[in-house]
Structures are given as structure tokens and as C-alpha cells.
Amino acid sequence: MNVLYILIPLALLLLAGAVWAFFWAVSSGQFDDLDTPAMRVILDDDKKPPEAEDS
């Protein structure tokens, strides 16, 4: 039963840290554009790859 006196404040500290990290991420723009990075993978490049030199 005494362990609850340690675990409850520890859980509240972890919760406060998670809430702070979420609000920091929102305010710093981490969630502004969620679609472009996923679509960037399937877009073609305009440049051709460099050709290998024969040695």
C-alpha cells in the first residue's frame, strides 16, 4: 500500500510531461502538414540518376 504514495505522484509527473510534450509539438508546428511527407515518397524526381563510370 505504501508503494501507491510513490506511484501516483510518479504517474502524475509522467502525465504532465506527456501533456507538455504534446502542446510543445503542436506549438512548434510538428502537426502542420501530415500529407506531403507521405506523398513525397511516390513523386518522381525530375533529375536522372548519375551514370556509373566504367573503369
PDB file of N, CA and C in Angstrom:
ATOM      1  N   MET A   1       0.819  -1.192   0.000  1.00  0.00           N
ATOM      2  CA  MET A   1       0.000   0.000   0.000  1.00  0.00           C
ATOM      3  C   MET A   1       0.868   1.263   0.000  1.00  0.00           C
ATOM      4  N   ASN A   2       2.039   1.177   0.604  1.00  0.00           N
ATOM      5  CA  ASN A   2       2.914   2.346   0.631  1.00  0.00           C
ATOM      6  C   ASN A   2       3.481   2.691  -0.746  1.00  0.00           C
ATOM      7  N   VAL A   3       3.503   1.702  -1.628  1.00  0.00           N
ATOM      8  CA  VAL A   3       4.039   1.955  -2.951  1.00  0.00           C
ATOM      9  C   VAL A   3       3.135   2.916  -3.729  1.00  0.00           C
ATOM     10  N   LEU A   4       1.874   2.995  -3.386  1.00  0.00           N
ATOM     11  CA  LEU A   4       0.962   3.918  -4.059  1.00  0.00           C
ATOM     12  C   LEU A   4       1.351   5.365  -3.804  1.00  0.00           C
ATOM     13  N   TYR A   5       1.970   5.647  -2.676  1.00  0.00           N
ATOM     14  CA  TYR A   5       2.415   7.011  -2.382  1.00  0.00           C
ATOM     15  C   TYR A   5       3.552   7.445  -3.320  1.00  0.00           C
ATOM     16  N   ILE A   6       4.211   6.484  -3.929  1.00  0.00           N
ATOM     17  CA  ILE A   6       5.271   6.783  -4.897  1.00  0.00           C
ATOM     18  C   ILE A   6       4.729   6.722  -6.331  1.00  0.00           C
ATOM     19  N   LEU A   7       3.895   5.718  -6.608  1.00  0.00           N
ATOM     20  CA  LEU A   7       3.435   5.515  -7.980  1.00  0.00           C
ATOM     21  C   LEU A   7       2.447   6.576  -8.456  1.00  0.00           C
ATOM     22  N   ILE A   8       1.572   7.032  -7.594  1.00  0.00           N
ATOM     23  CA  ILE A   8       0.586   8.034  -8.026  1.00  0.00           C
ATOM     24  C   ILE A   8       1.254   9.354  -8.379  1.00  0.00           C
ATOM     25  N   PRO A   9       2.132   9.928  -7.553  1.00  0.00           N
ATOM     26  CA  PRO A   9       2.811  11.154  -7.992  1.00  0.00           C
ATOM     27  C   PRO A   9       3.700  10.941  -9.219  1.00  0.00           C
ATOM     28  N   LEU A  10       4.322   9.781  -9.317  1.00  0.00           N
ATOM     29  CA  LEU A  10       5.140   9.483 -10.491  1.00  0.00           C
ATOM     30  C   LEU A  10       4.277   9.437 -11.756  1.00  0.00           C
ATOM     31  N   ALA A  11       3.113   8.825 -11.663  1.00  0.00           N
ATOM     32  CA  ALA A  11       2.205   8.773 -12.807  1.00  0.00           C
ATOM     33  C   ALA A  11       1.716  10.167 -13.178  1.00  0.00           C
ATOM     34  N   LEU A  12       1.458  10.998 -12.196  1.00  0.00           N
ATOM     35  CA  LEU A  12       1.030  12.369 -12.482  1.00  0.00           C
ATOM     36  C   LEU A  12       2.145  13.182 -13.126  1.00  0.00           C
ATOM     37  N   LEU A  13       3.383  12.964 -12.710  1.00  0.00           N
ATOM     38  CA  LEU A  13       4.513  13.643 -13.342  1.00  0.00           C
ATOM     39  C   LEU A  13       4.686  13.197 -14.792  1.00  0.00           C
ATOM     40  N   LEU A  14       4.546  11.909 -15.047  1.00  0.00           N
ATOM     41  CA  LEU A  14       4.643  11.411 -16.412  1.00  0.00           C
ATOM     42  C   LEU A  14       3.510  11.948 -17.278  1.00  0.00           C
ATOM     43  N   LEU A  15       2.322  12.043 -16.721  1.00  0.00           N
ATOM     44  CA  LEU A  15       1.197  12.602 -17.455  1.00  0.00           C
ATOM     45  C   LEU A  15       1.436  14.070 -17.778  1.00  0.00           C
ATOM     46  N   ALA A  16       1.943  14.816 -16.816  1.00  0.00           N
ATOM     47  CA  ALA A  16       2.233  16.225 -17.048  1.00  0.00           C
ATOM     48  C   ALA A  16       3.310  16.380 -18.118  1.00  0.00           C
ATOM     49  N   GLY A  17       4.310  15.519 -18.114  1.00  0.00           N
ATOM     50  CA  GLY A  17       5.346  15.562 -19.139  1.00  0.00           C
ATOM     51  C   GLY A  17       4.797  15.239 -20.519  1.00  0.00           C
ATOM     52  N   ALA A  18       3.902  14.289 -20.605  1.00  0.00           N
ATOM     53  CA  ALA A  18       3.307  13.927 -21.895  1.00  0.00           C
ATOM     54  C   ALA A  18       2.426  15.059 -22.419  1.00  0.00           C
ATOM     55  N   VAL A  19       1.668  15.686 -21.546  1.00  0.00           N
ATOM     56  CA  VAL A  19       0.819  16.812 -21.959  1.00  0.00           C
ATOM     57  C   VAL A  19       1.688  17.977 -22.418  1.00  0.00           C
ATOM     58  N   TRP A  20       2.761  18.263 -21.685  1.00  0.00           N
ATOM     59  CA  TRP A  20       3.676  19.339 -22.076  1.00  0.00           C
ATOM     60  C   TRP A  20       4.309  19.045 -23.435  1.00  0.00           C
ATOM     61  N   ALA A  21       4.736  17.802 -23.656  1.00  0.00           N
ATOM     62  CA  ALA A  21       5.358  17.432 -24.927  1.00  0.00           C
ATOM     63  C   ALA A  21       4.365  17.556 -26.079  1.00  0.00           C
ATOM     64  N   PHE A  22       3.109  17.194 -25.845  1.00  0.00           N
ATOM     65  CA  PHE A  22       2.095  17.333 -26.884  1.00  0.00           C
ATOM     66  C   PHE A  22       1.878  18.791 -27.251  1.00  0.00           C
ATOM     67  N   PHE A  23       1.706  19.657 -26.252  1.00  0.00           N
ATOM     68  CA  PHE A  23       1.478  21.067 -26.540  1.00  0.00           C
ATOM     69  C   PHE A  23       2.713  21.730 -27.157  1.00  0.00           C
ATOM     70  N   TRP A  24       3.892  21.292 -26.778  1.00  0.00           N
ATOM     71  CA  TRP A  24       5.109  21.809 -27.400  1.00  0.00           C
ATOM     72  C   TRP A  24       5.151  21.424 -28.875  1.00  0.00           C
ATOM     73  N   ALA A  25       4.809  20.173 -29.185  1.00  0.00           N
ATOM     74  CA  ALA A  25       4.824  19.714 -30.569  1.00  0.00           C
ATOM     75  C   ALA A  25       3.794  20.462 -31.409  1.00  0.00           C
ATOM     76  N   VAL A  26       2.633  20.720 -30.837  1.00  0.00           N
ATOM     77  CA  VAL A  26       1.604  21.456 -31.573  1.00  0.00           C
ATOM     78  C   VAL A  26       2.058  22.896 -31.816  1.00  0.00           C
ATOM     79  N   SER A  27       2.622  23.526 -30.798  1.00  0.00           N
ATOM     80  CA  SER A  27       3.009  24.931 -30.951  1.00  0.00           C
ATOM     81  C   SER A  27       4.235  25.104 -31.846  1.00  0.00           C
ATOM     82  N   SER A  28       5.068  24.086 -31.978  1.00  0.00           N
ATOM     83  CA  SER A  28       6.252  24.208 -32.832  1.00  0.00           C
ATOM     84  C   SER A  28       5.979  23.772 -34.270  1.00  0.00           C
ATOM     85  N   GLY A  29       4.742  23.383 -34.583  1.00  0.00           N
ATOM     86  CA  GLY A  29       4.370  23.080 -35.961  1.00  0.00           C
ATOM     87  C   GLY A  29       4.631  21.663 -36.401  1.00  0.00           C
ATOM     88  N   GLN A  30       4.748  20.728 -35.504  1.00  0.00           N
ATOM     89  CA  GLN A  30       5.026  19.345 -35.887  1.00  0.00           C
ATOM     90  C   GLN A  30       3.853  18.694 -36.619  1.00  0.00           C
ATOM     91  N   PHE A  31       2.635  19.182 -36.404  1.00  0.00           N
ATOM     92  CA  PHE A  31       1.452  18.567 -36.991  1.00  0.00           C
ATOM     93  C   PHE A  31       0.831  19.441 -38.072  1.00  0.00           C
ATOM     94  N   ASP A  32       1.581  20.377 -38.641  1.00  0.00           N
ATOM     95  CA  ASP A  32       1.019  21.284 -39.621  1.00  0.00           C
ATOM     96  C   ASP A  32       0.714  20.600 -40.951  1.00  0.00           C
ATOM     97  N   ASP A  33       1.614  19.815 -41.470  1.00  0.00           N
ATOM     98  CA  ASP A  33       1.431  19.186 -42.777  1.00  0.00           C
ATOM     99  C   ASP A  33       1.690  17.694 -42.642  1.00  0.00           C
ATOM    100  N   LEU A  34       0.612  16.915 -42.604  1.00  0.00           N
ATOM    101  CA  LEU A  34       0.757  15.474 -42.428  1.00  0.00           C
ATOM    102  C   LEU A  34       0.693  14.708 -43.751  1.00  0.00           C
ATOM    103  N   ASP A  35       0.254  15.370 -44.827  1.00  0.00           N
ATOM    104  CA  ASP A  35       0.070  14.662 -46.090  1.00  0.00           C
ATOM    105  C   ASP A  35       1.284  14.721 -47.011  1.00  0.00           C
ATOM    106  N   THR A  36       1.965  15.831 -47.066  1.00  0.00           N
ATOM    107  CA  THR A  36       3.063  15.993 -48.014  1.00  0.00           C
ATOM    108  C   THR A  36       4.220  15.015 -47.780  1.00  0.00           C
ATOM    109  N   PRO A  37       4.697  14.793 -46.562  1.00  0.00           N
ATOM    110  CA  PRO A  37       5.802  13.838 -46.406  1.00  0.00           C
ATOM    111  C   PRO A  37       5.446  12.423 -46.871  1.00  0.00           C
ATOM    112  N   ALA A  38       4.195  12.023 -46.724  1.00  0.00           N
ATOM    113  CA  ALA A  38       3.799  10.682 -47.175  1.00  0.00           C
ATOM    114  C   ALA A  38       3.734  10.610 -48.691  1.00  0.00           C
ATOM    115  N   MET A  39       3.338  11.703 -49.330  1.00  0.00           N
ATOM    116  CA  MET A  39       3.227  11.696 -50.788  1.00  0.00           C
ATOM    117  C   MET A  39       4.564  11.941 -51.466  1.00  0.00           C
ATOM    118  N   ARG A  40       5.525  12.481 -50.763  1.00  0.00           N
ATOM    119  CA  ARG A  40       6.833  12.768 -51.350  1.00  0.00           C
ATOM    120  C   ARG A  40       7.550  11.491 -51.775  1.00  0.00           C
ATOM    121  N   VAL A  41       7.197  10.380 -51.161  1.00  0.00           N
ATOM    122  CA  VAL A  41       7.833   9.104 -51.483  1.00  0.00           C
ATOM    123  C   VAL A  41       7.454   8.646 -52.891  1.00  0.00           C
ATOM    124  N   ILE A  42       6.210   8.891 -53.299  1.00  0.00           N
ATOM    125  CA  ILE A  42       5.759   8.367 -54.580  1.00  0.00           C
ATOM    126  C   ILE A  42       5.964   9.336 -55.732  1.00  0.00           C
ATOM    127  N   LEU A  43       6.393  10.563 -55.466  1.00  0.00           N
ATOM    128  CA  LEU A  43       6.621  11.522 -56.537  1.00  0.00           C
ATOM    129  C   LEU A  43       7.926  11.201 -57.263  1.00  0.00           C
ATOM    130  N   ASP A  44       7.910  11.379 -58.565  1.00  0.00           N
ATOM    131  CA  ASP A  44       9.100  11.127 -59.368  1.00  0.00           C
ATOM    132  C   ASP A  44      10.058  12.300 -59.277  1.00  0.00           C
ATOM    133  N   ASP A  45      11.326  12.005 -59.357  1.00  0.00           N
ATOM    134  CA  ASP A  45      12.338  13.051 -59.425  1.00  0.00           C
ATOM    135  C   ASP A  45      12.464  13.525 -60.872  1.00  0.00           C
ATOM    136  N   ASP A  46      12.792  14.782 -61.055  1.00  0.00           N
ATOM    137  CA  ASP A  46      12.986  15.329 -62.388  1.00  0.00           C
ATOM    138  C   ASP A  46      14.379  15.023 -62.937  1.00  0.00           C
ATOM    139  N   LYS A  47      15.319  14.765 -62.063  1.00  0.00           N
ATOM    140  CA  LYS A  47      16.692  14.513 -62.488  1.00  0.00           C
ATOM    141  C   LYS A  47      16.911  13.026 -62.744  1.00  0.00           C
ATOM    142  N   LYS A  48      17.786  12.753 -63.707  1.00  0.00           N
ATOM    143  CA  LYS A  48      18.174  11.371 -63.925  1.00  0.00           C
ATOM    144  C   LYS A  48      19.269  10.997 -62.937  1.00  0.00           C
ATOM    145  N   PRO A  49      19.357   9.741 -62.548  1.00  0.00           N
ATOM    146  CA  PRO A  49      20.425   9.334 -61.654  1.00  0.00           C
ATOM    147  C   PRO A  49      21.778   9.443 -62.358  1.00  0.00           C
ATOM    148  N   PRO A  50      22.842   9.688 -61.627  1.00  0.00           N
ATOM    149  CA  PRO A  50      24.171   9.780 -62.268  1.00  0.00           C
ATOM    150  C   PRO A  50      24.569   8.426 -62.845  1.00  0.00           C
ATOM    151  N   GLU A  51      25.209   8.492 -63.995  1.00  0.00           N
ATOM    152  CA  GLU A  51      25.619   7.260 -64.658  1.00  0.00           C
ATOM    153  C   GLU A  51      26.927   6.769 -64.070  1.00  0.00           C
ATOM    154  N   ALA A  52      27.043   5.467 -63.980  1.00  0.00           N
ATOM    155  CA  ALA A  52      28.259   4.878 -63.416  1.00  0.00           C
ATOM    156  C   ALA A  52      29.387   4.943 -64.449  1.00  0.00           C
ATOM    157  N   GLU A  53      30.585   5.239 -63.971  1.00  0.00           N
ATOM    158  CA  GLU A  53      31.733   5.287 -64.862  1.00  0.00           C
ATOM    159  C   GLU A  53      32.333   3.903 -65.005  1.00  0.00           C
ATOM    160  N   ASP A  54      32.680   3.543 -66.208  1.00  0.00           N
ATOM    161  CA  ASP A  54      33.322   2.240 -66.436  1.00  0.00           C
ATOM    162  C   ASP A  54      34.823   2.392 -66.192  1.00  0.00           C
ATOM    163  N   SER A  55      35.367   1.544 -65.350  1.00  0.00           N
ATOM    164  CA  SER A  55      36.800   1.637 -65.038  1.00  0.00           C
ATOM    165  C   SER A  55      37.557   0.515 -65.680  1.00  0.00           C
TER     166      SER A  55
END
